[in-house]
């Protein structure tokens, strides 16, 4: 069992004001105890870090995370489709690691191409790669009323946004996305971004 002690910390746990001069015992990547410095359980071989008054807080959650996006709008092409699938997957892994190192321990996918969200989430969960806990999103699903947000050729094949119409078409599309690993379905049911069509329907 690996153990680490963070001592002399200022703790913000989200349930009240800051707690000063605390020690935190971490065992096998889980918080096992939070006590005053003198009361923290000792573990043979534990790695001890003196934080000298630095702050410890819960991990943050990113509620809108496009894993494969990079410098959106800075270059040609459509975000998440400007690079080949494998390169986009590497970009997504780099962004997941970046999010974790900046304190985001959970992210909610907001859509990528090539089913990257689902594959990346599975790889993180299986311990193959390092990243935050991830809720994977589907591709963007467009309806026939989404008047031209994307050129018609972008919605062809299995790589990018998908178009469908009608109740049965939508059901089939959602089942397919869930079978591919999505846990959130992203819909565009009216032209443009955050449009009245979607807002009125959801409310």
C-alpha atoms as a PDB file:
ATOM      1  CA  UNK A   1       0.000   0.000   0.000  1.00  0.00           C
ATOM      2  CA  UNK A   2       1.448   3.369  -1.039  1.00  0.00           C
ATOM      3  CA  UNK A   3       0.967   6.262   1.364  1.00  0.00           C
ATOM      4  CA  UNK A   4       1.510   9.998   1.215  1.00  0.00           C
ATOM      5  CA  UNK A   5       1.052  12.672   3.878  1.00  0.00           C
ATOM      6  CA  UNK A   6       0.394  16.318   3.045  1.00  0.00           C
ATOM      7  CA  UNK A   7       1.117  18.320   6.188  1.00  0.00           C
ATOM      8  CA  UNK A   8       0.691  21.979   7.149  1.00  0.00           C
ATOM      9  CA  UNK A   9      -2.073  22.438   4.593  1.00  0.00           C
ATOM     10  CA  UNK A  10      -4.894  24.948   4.387  1.00  0.00           C
ATOM     11  CA  UNK A  11      -7.904  22.798   3.538  1.00  0.00           C
ATOM     12  CA  UNK A  12     -10.964  23.952   1.617  1.00  0.00           C
ATOM     13  CA  UNK A  13     -13.410  21.050   1.508  1.00  0.00           C
ATOM     14  CA  UNK A  14     -16.480  22.855   0.159  1.00  0.00           C
ATOM     15  CA  UNK A  15     -18.439  22.499   3.413  1.00  0.00           C
ATOM     16  CA  UNK A  16     -17.434  25.644   5.268  1.00  0.00           C
ATOM     17  CA  UNK A  17     -14.589  28.027   5.852  1.00  0.00           C
ATOM     18  CA  UNK A  18     -10.939  27.155   5.308  1.00  0.00           C
ATOM     19  CA  UNK A  19      -9.342  24.829   7.865  1.00  0.00           C
ATOM     20  CA  UNK A  20      -5.777  25.722   8.793  1.00  0.00           C
ATOM     21  CA  UNK A  21      -2.791  23.549   9.705  1.00  0.00           C
ATOM     22  CA  UNK A  22      -4.230  20.233   8.653  1.00  0.00           C
ATOM     23  CA  UNK A  23      -2.581  17.029   7.519  1.00  0.00           C
ATOM     24  CA  UNK A  24      -4.040  14.724   4.890  1.00  0.00           C
ATOM     25  CA  UNK A  25      -3.220  11.025   4.615  1.00  0.00           C
ATOM     26  CA  UNK A  26      -3.557   9.572   1.115  1.00  0.00           C
ATOM     27  CA  UNK A  27      -3.424   5.788   0.669  1.00  0.00           C
ATOM     28  CA  UNK A  28      -3.553   4.178  -2.774  1.00  0.00           C
ATOM     29  CA  UNK A  29      -4.737   7.444  -4.343  1.00  0.00           C
ATOM     30  CA  UNK A  30      -7.618   7.799  -1.850  1.00  0.00           C
ATOM     31  CA  UNK A  31      -7.923  10.233   1.058  1.00  0.00           C
ATOM     32  CA  UNK A  32      -7.804   8.056   4.164  1.00  0.00           C
ATOM     33  CA  UNK A  33      -7.717  10.692   6.931  1.00  0.00           C
ATOM     34  CA  UNK A  34      -7.775  14.435   7.563  1.00  0.00           C
ATOM     35  CA  UNK A  35      -6.584  15.480  11.006  1.00  0.00           C
ATOM     36  CA  UNK A  36      -4.573  18.075  12.882  1.00  0.00           C
ATOM     37  CA  UNK A  37      -0.882  17.646  12.215  1.00  0.00           C
ATOM     38  CA  UNK A  38      -0.240  15.903  15.531  1.00  0.00           C
ATOM     39  CA  UNK A  39      -3.162  13.490  15.124  1.00  0.00           C
ATOM     40  CA  UNK A  40      -2.607  12.212  11.598  1.00  0.00           C
ATOM     41  CA  UNK A  41      -1.928   8.445  11.464  1.00  0.00           C
ATOM     42  CA  UNK A  42       1.647   7.578  10.593  1.00  0.00           C
ATOM     43  CA  UNK A  43       2.573   5.034   7.921  1.00  0.00           C
ATOM     44  CA  UNK A  44       5.985   3.424   7.499  1.00  0.00           C
ATOM     45  CA  UNK A  45       7.568   4.538   4.260  1.00  0.00           C
ATOM     46  CA  UNK A  46       5.017   7.259   3.629  1.00  0.00           C
ATOM     47  CA  UNK A  47       6.107  10.144   1.408  1.00  0.00           C
ATOM     48  CA  UNK A  48       5.687  13.396   3.343  1.00  0.00           C
ATOM     49  CA  UNK A  49       5.176  16.775   1.671  1.00  0.00           C
ATOM     50  CA  UNK A  50       5.255  19.919   3.805  1.00  0.00           C
ATOM     51  CA  UNK A  51       2.874  22.312   2.064  1.00  0.00           C
ATOM     52  CA  UNK A  52       3.845  25.221   4.326  1.00  0.00           C
ATOM     53  CA  UNK A  53       0.396  26.783   4.269  1.00  0.00           C
ATOM     54  CA  UNK A  54      -0.506  26.088   0.650  1.00  0.00           C
ATOM     55  CA  UNK A  55      -4.138  25.316  -0.112  1.00  0.00           C
ATOM     56  CA  UNK A  56      -5.629  21.886  -0.796  1.00  0.00           C
ATOM     57  CA  UNK A  57      -9.099  21.803  -2.372  1.00  0.00           C
ATOM     58  CA  UNK A  58     -11.365  19.275  -4.118  1.00  0.00           C
ATOM     59  CA  UNK A  59     -10.824  18.620  -7.791  1.00  0.00           C
ATOM     60  CA  UNK A  60     -12.816  20.811 -10.154  1.00  0.00           C
ATOM     61  CA  UNK A  61     -15.331  19.633 -12.760  1.00  0.00           C
ATOM     62  CA  UNK A  62     -15.366  20.907 -16.341  1.00  0.00           C
ATOM     63  CA  UNK A  63     -18.968  20.718 -17.531  1.00  0.00           C
ATOM     64  CA  UNK A  64     -18.229  21.415 -21.221  1.00  0.00           C
ATOM     65  CA  UNK A  65     -15.085  19.686 -22.470  1.00  0.00           C
ATOM     66  CA  UNK A  66     -14.120  19.200 -26.122  1.00  0.00           C
ATOM     67  CA  UNK A  67     -11.171  16.843 -25.770  1.00  0.00           C
ATOM     68  CA  UNK A  68      -9.946  17.157 -29.356  1.00  0.00           C
ATOM     69  CA  UNK A  69     -10.234  20.943 -29.730  1.00  0.00           C
ATOM     70  CA  UNK A  70      -7.115  23.079 -30.115  1.00  0.00           C
ATOM     71  CA  UNK A  71      -6.878  26.804 -30.918  1.00  0.00           C
ATOM     72  CA  UNK A  72     -10.417  26.858 -32.284  1.00  0.00           C
ATOM     73  CA  UNK A  73     -10.786  29.489 -34.998  1.00  0.00           C
ATOM     74  CA  UNK A  74      -7.053  30.090 -35.313  1.00  0.00           C
ATOM     75  CA  UNK A  75      -6.659  28.009 -38.460  1.00  0.00           C
ATOM     76  CA  UNK A  76      -8.588  26.500 -41.352  1.00  0.00           C
ATOM     77  CA  UNK A  77     -10.944  23.569 -41.038  1.00  0.00           C
ATOM     78  CA  UNK A  78     -13.796  22.620 -38.750  1.00  0.00           C
ATOM     79  CA  UNK A  79     -12.934  22.027 -35.090  1.00  0.00           C
ATOM     80  CA  UNK A  80     -12.337  18.339 -34.346  1.00  0.00           C
ATOM     81  CA  UNK A  81     -12.230  17.493 -38.064  1.00  0.00           C
ATOM     82  CA  UNK A  82      -9.129  19.423 -39.093  1.00  0.00           C
ATOM     83  CA  UNK A  83      -6.769  16.510 -38.360  1.00  0.00           C
ATOM     84  CA  UNK A  84      -6.620  12.772 -39.026  1.00  0.00           C
ATOM     85  CA  UNK A  85      -8.326  10.496 -36.470  1.00  0.00           C
ATOM     86  CA  UNK A  86      -5.157   9.203 -34.774  1.00  0.00           C
ATOM     87  CA  UNK A  87      -3.665  12.700 -34.492  1.00  0.00           C
ATOM     88  CA  UNK A  88      -6.963  13.942 -33.018  1.00  0.00           C
ATOM     89  CA  UNK A  89      -6.834  11.100 -30.494  1.00  0.00           C
ATOM     90  CA  UNK A  90      -3.324  12.119 -29.407  1.00  0.00           C
ATOM     91  CA  UNK A  91      -4.478  15.735 -29.121  1.00  0.00           C
ATOM     92  CA  UNK A  92      -7.392  14.592 -26.945  1.00  0.00           C
ATOM     93  CA  UNK A  93      -5.087  12.625 -24.660  1.00  0.00           C
ATOM     94  CA  UNK A  94      -2.818  15.660 -24.285  1.00  0.00           C
ATOM     95  CA  UNK A  95      -5.819  17.850 -23.398  1.00  0.00           C
ATOM     96  CA  UNK A  96      -7.080  15.307 -20.866  1.00  0.00           C
ATOM     97  CA  UNK A  97      -3.695  15.268 -19.133  1.00  0.00           C
ATOM     98  CA  UNK A  98      -3.580  19.064 -19.237  1.00  0.00           C
ATOM     99  CA  UNK A  99      -7.010  19.284 -17.594  1.00  0.00           C
ATOM    100  CA  UNK A 100      -5.950  16.897 -14.816  1.00  0.00           C
ATOM    101  CA  UNK A 101      -2.733  18.799 -14.134  1.00  0.00           C
ATOM    102  CA  UNK A 102      -4.725  22.014 -13.825  1.00  0.00           C
ATOM    103  CA  UNK A 103      -6.967  20.576 -11.126  1.00  0.00           C
ATOM    104  CA  UNK A 104      -9.904  19.198 -13.125  1.00  0.00           C
ATOM    105  CA  UNK A 105     -10.506  15.680 -11.859  1.00  0.00           C
ATOM    106  CA  UNK A 106     -13.792  15.220 -13.775  1.00  0.00           C
ATOM    107  CA  UNK A 107     -14.858  16.404 -17.223  1.00  0.00           C
ATOM    108  CA  UNK A 108     -18.148  16.146 -19.104  1.00  0.00           C
ATOM    109  CA  UNK A 109     -17.687  15.626 -22.815  1.00  0.00           C
ATOM    110  CA  UNK A 110     -19.308  18.128 -25.173  1.00  0.00           C
ATOM    111  CA  UNK A 111     -18.646  16.306 -28.423  1.00  0.00           C
ATOM    112  CA  UNK A 112     -15.738  15.103 -30.522  1.00  0.00           C
ATOM    113  CA  UNK A 113     -15.434  13.326 -33.836  1.00  0.00           C
ATOM    114  CA  UNK A 114     -14.233   9.794 -34.522  1.00  0.00           C
ATOM    115  CA  UNK A 115     -15.783   8.477 -31.256  1.00  0.00           C
ATOM    116  CA  UNK A 116     -12.759   9.832 -29.404  1.00  0.00           C
ATOM    117  CA  UNK A 117     -14.723  10.689 -26.244  1.00  0.00           C
ATOM    118  CA  UNK A 118     -15.836   7.102 -25.650  1.00  0.00           C
ATOM    119  CA  UNK A 119     -12.435   5.567 -26.395  1.00  0.00           C
ATOM    120  CA  UNK A 120     -10.555   8.092 -24.275  1.00  0.00           C
ATOM    121  CA  UNK A 121     -12.946   7.643 -21.340  1.00  0.00           C
ATOM    122  CA  UNK A 122     -12.519   3.855 -21.521  1.00  0.00           C
ATOM    123  CA  UNK A 123      -8.720   4.121 -21.672  1.00  0.00           C
ATOM    124  CA  UNK A 124      -8.677   6.413 -18.625  1.00  0.00           C
ATOM    125  CA  UNK A 125     -11.032   4.144 -16.687  1.00  0.00           C
ATOM    126  CA  UNK A 126      -8.932   1.076 -17.522  1.00  0.00           C
ATOM    127  CA  UNK A 127      -5.763   2.803 -16.339  1.00  0.00           C
ATOM    128  CA  UNK A 128      -4.067   2.747 -19.753  1.00  0.00           C
ATOM    129  CA  UNK A 129      -3.594   6.518 -19.802  1.00  0.00           C
ATOM    130  CA  UNK A 130      -3.732   9.344 -17.288  1.00  0.00           C
ATOM    131  CA  UNK A 131      -6.670  11.727 -17.264  1.00  0.00           C
ATOM    132  CA  UNK A 132      -9.698  12.945 -15.319  1.00  0.00           C
ATOM    133  CA  UNK A 133     -12.877  10.952 -14.874  1.00  0.00           C
ATOM    134  CA  UNK A 134     -14.760  11.486 -18.101  1.00  0.00           C
ATOM    135  CA  UNK A 135     -18.405  11.320 -19.172  1.00  0.00           C
ATOM    136  CA  UNK A 136     -18.221  10.719 -22.941  1.00  0.00           C
ATOM    137  CA  UNK A 137     -20.445  12.579 -25.395  1.00  0.00           C
ATOM    138  CA  UNK A 138     -21.861  11.501 -28.739  1.00  0.00           C
ATOM    139  CA  UNK A 139     -21.148  13.112 -32.049  1.00  0.00           C
ATOM    140  CA  UNK A 140     -23.238  16.191 -32.790  1.00  0.00           C
ATOM    141  CA  UNK A 141     -26.622  15.004 -34.076  1.00  0.00           C
ATOM    142  CA  UNK A 142     -28.291  17.393 -36.504  1.00  0.00           C
ATOM    143  CA  UNK A 143     -31.920  17.476 -37.558  1.00  0.00           C
ATOM    144  CA  UNK A 144     -33.173  18.489 -40.968  1.00  0.00           C
ATOM    145  CA  UNK A 145     -34.247  21.821 -39.426  1.00  0.00           C
ATOM    146  CA  UNK A 146     -30.655  22.700 -38.600  1.00  0.00           C
ATOM    147  CA  UNK A 147     -30.348  24.935 -41.615  1.00  0.00           C
ATOM    148  CA  UNK A 148     -26.794  24.748 -42.786  1.00  0.00           C
ATOM    149  CA  UNK A 149     -24.642  24.831 -39.660  1.00  0.00           C
ATOM    150  CA  UNK A 150     -22.344  22.409 -41.498  1.00  0.00           C
ATOM    151  CA  UNK A 151     -21.744  21.756 -45.187  1.00  0.00           C
ATOM    152  CA  UNK A 152     -23.643  18.701 -46.367  1.00  0.00           C
ATOM    153  CA  UNK A 153     -20.475  16.661 -46.929  1.00  0.00           C
ATOM    154  CA  UNK A 154     -19.351  17.012 -43.307  1.00  0.00           C
ATOM    155  CA  UNK A 155     -22.370  15.000 -42.150  1.00  0.00           C
ATOM    156  CA  UNK A 156     -21.500  12.023 -44.346  1.00  0.00           C
ATOM    157  CA  UNK A 157     -20.027   8.765 -43.111  1.00  0.00           C
ATOM    158  CA  UNK A 158     -19.271   7.847 -39.513  1.00  0.00           C
ATOM    159  CA  UNK A 159     -16.636  10.409 -38.563  1.00  0.00           C
ATOM    160  CA  UNK A 160     -18.327  13.742 -37.855  1.00  0.00           C
ATOM    161  CA  UNK A 161     -21.754  15.266 -37.230  1.00  0.00           C
ATOM    162  CA  UNK A 162     -24.677  12.997 -38.073  1.00  0.00           C
ATOM    163  CA  UNK A 163     -28.031  13.988 -39.546  1.00  0.00           C
ATOM    164  CA  UNK A 164     -31.353  12.302 -38.869  1.00  0.00           C
ATOM    165  CA  UNK A 165     -35.065  13.124 -39.001  1.00  0.00           C
ATOM    166  CA  UNK A 166     -38.217  11.886 -37.320  1.00  0.00           C
ATOM    167  CA  UNK A 167     -38.853   9.986 -34.125  1.00  0.00           C
ATOM    168  CA  UNK A 168     -37.638   6.619 -35.370  1.00  0.00           C
ATOM    169  CA  UNK A 169     -34.585   8.148 -37.006  1.00  0.00           C
ATOM    170  CA  UNK A 170     -33.669   9.899 -33.774  1.00  0.00           C
ATOM    171  CA  UNK A 171     -34.205   6.766 -31.693  1.00  0.00           C
ATOM    172  CA  UNK A 172     -31.995   4.729 -34.001  1.00  0.00           C
ATOM    173  CA  UNK A 173     -29.295   7.401 -33.984  1.00  0.00           C
ATOM    174  CA  UNK A 174     -29.278   7.652 -30.172  1.00  0.00           C
ATOM    175  CA  UNK A 175     -29.142   3.859 -29.781  1.00  0.00           C
ATOM    176  CA  UNK A 176     -26.187   3.776 -32.148  1.00  0.00           C
ATOM    177  CA  UNK A 177     -24.328   6.490 -30.260  1.00  0.00           C
ATOM    178  CA  UNK A 178     -24.957   4.772 -26.920  1.00  0.00           C
ATOM    179  CA  UNK A 179     -23.683   1.495 -28.371  1.00  0.00           C
ATOM    180  CA  UNK A 180     -20.530   3.326 -29.426  1.00  0.00           C
ATOM    181  CA  UNK A 181     -19.906   4.421 -25.832  1.00  0.00           C
ATOM    182  CA  UNK A 182     -21.629   7.797 -25.531  1.00  0.00           C
ATOM    183  CA  UNK A 183     -23.294   8.634 -22.216  1.00  0.00           C
ATOM    184  CA  UNK A 184     -24.482  12.104 -23.246  1.00  0.00           C
ATOM    185  CA  UNK A 185     -26.250  12.873 -26.519  1.00  0.00           C
ATOM    186  CA  UNK A 186     -25.517  16.214 -28.170  1.00  0.00           C
ATOM    187  CA  UNK A 187     -28.364  17.566 -30.331  1.00  0.00           C
ATOM    188  CA  UNK A 188     -28.654  20.498 -32.697  1.00  0.00           C
ATOM    189  CA  UNK A 189     -32.338  20.838 -33.581  1.00  0.00           C
ATOM    190  CA  UNK A 190     -32.265  24.378 -34.946  1.00  0.00           C
ATOM    191  CA  UNK A 191     -29.798  26.435 -36.933  1.00  0.00           C
ATOM    192  CA  UNK A 192     -26.959  28.144 -35.142  1.00  0.00           C
ATOM    193  CA  UNK A 193     -25.564  27.899 -31.642  1.00  0.00           C
ATOM    194  CA  UNK A 194     -27.890  28.018 -28.584  1.00  0.00           C
ATOM    195  CA  UNK A 195     -30.843  28.735 -30.830  1.00  0.00           C
ATOM    196  CA  UNK A 196     -34.517  29.334 -29.929  1.00  0.00           C
ATOM    197  CA  UNK A 197     -35.424  25.994 -31.489  1.00  0.00           C
ATOM    198  CA  UNK A 198     -33.517  24.001 -28.913  1.00  0.00           C
ATOM    199  CA  UNK A 199     -34.158  26.420 -26.031  1.00  0.00           C
ATOM    200  CA  UNK A 200     -37.939  26.455 -26.508  1.00  0.00           C
ATOM    201  CA  UNK A 201     -38.105  22.691 -26.853  1.00  0.00           C
ATOM    202  CA  UNK A 202     -36.082  22.022 -23.710  1.00  0.00           C
ATOM    203  CA  UNK A 203     -38.084  24.508 -21.634  1.00  0.00           C
END
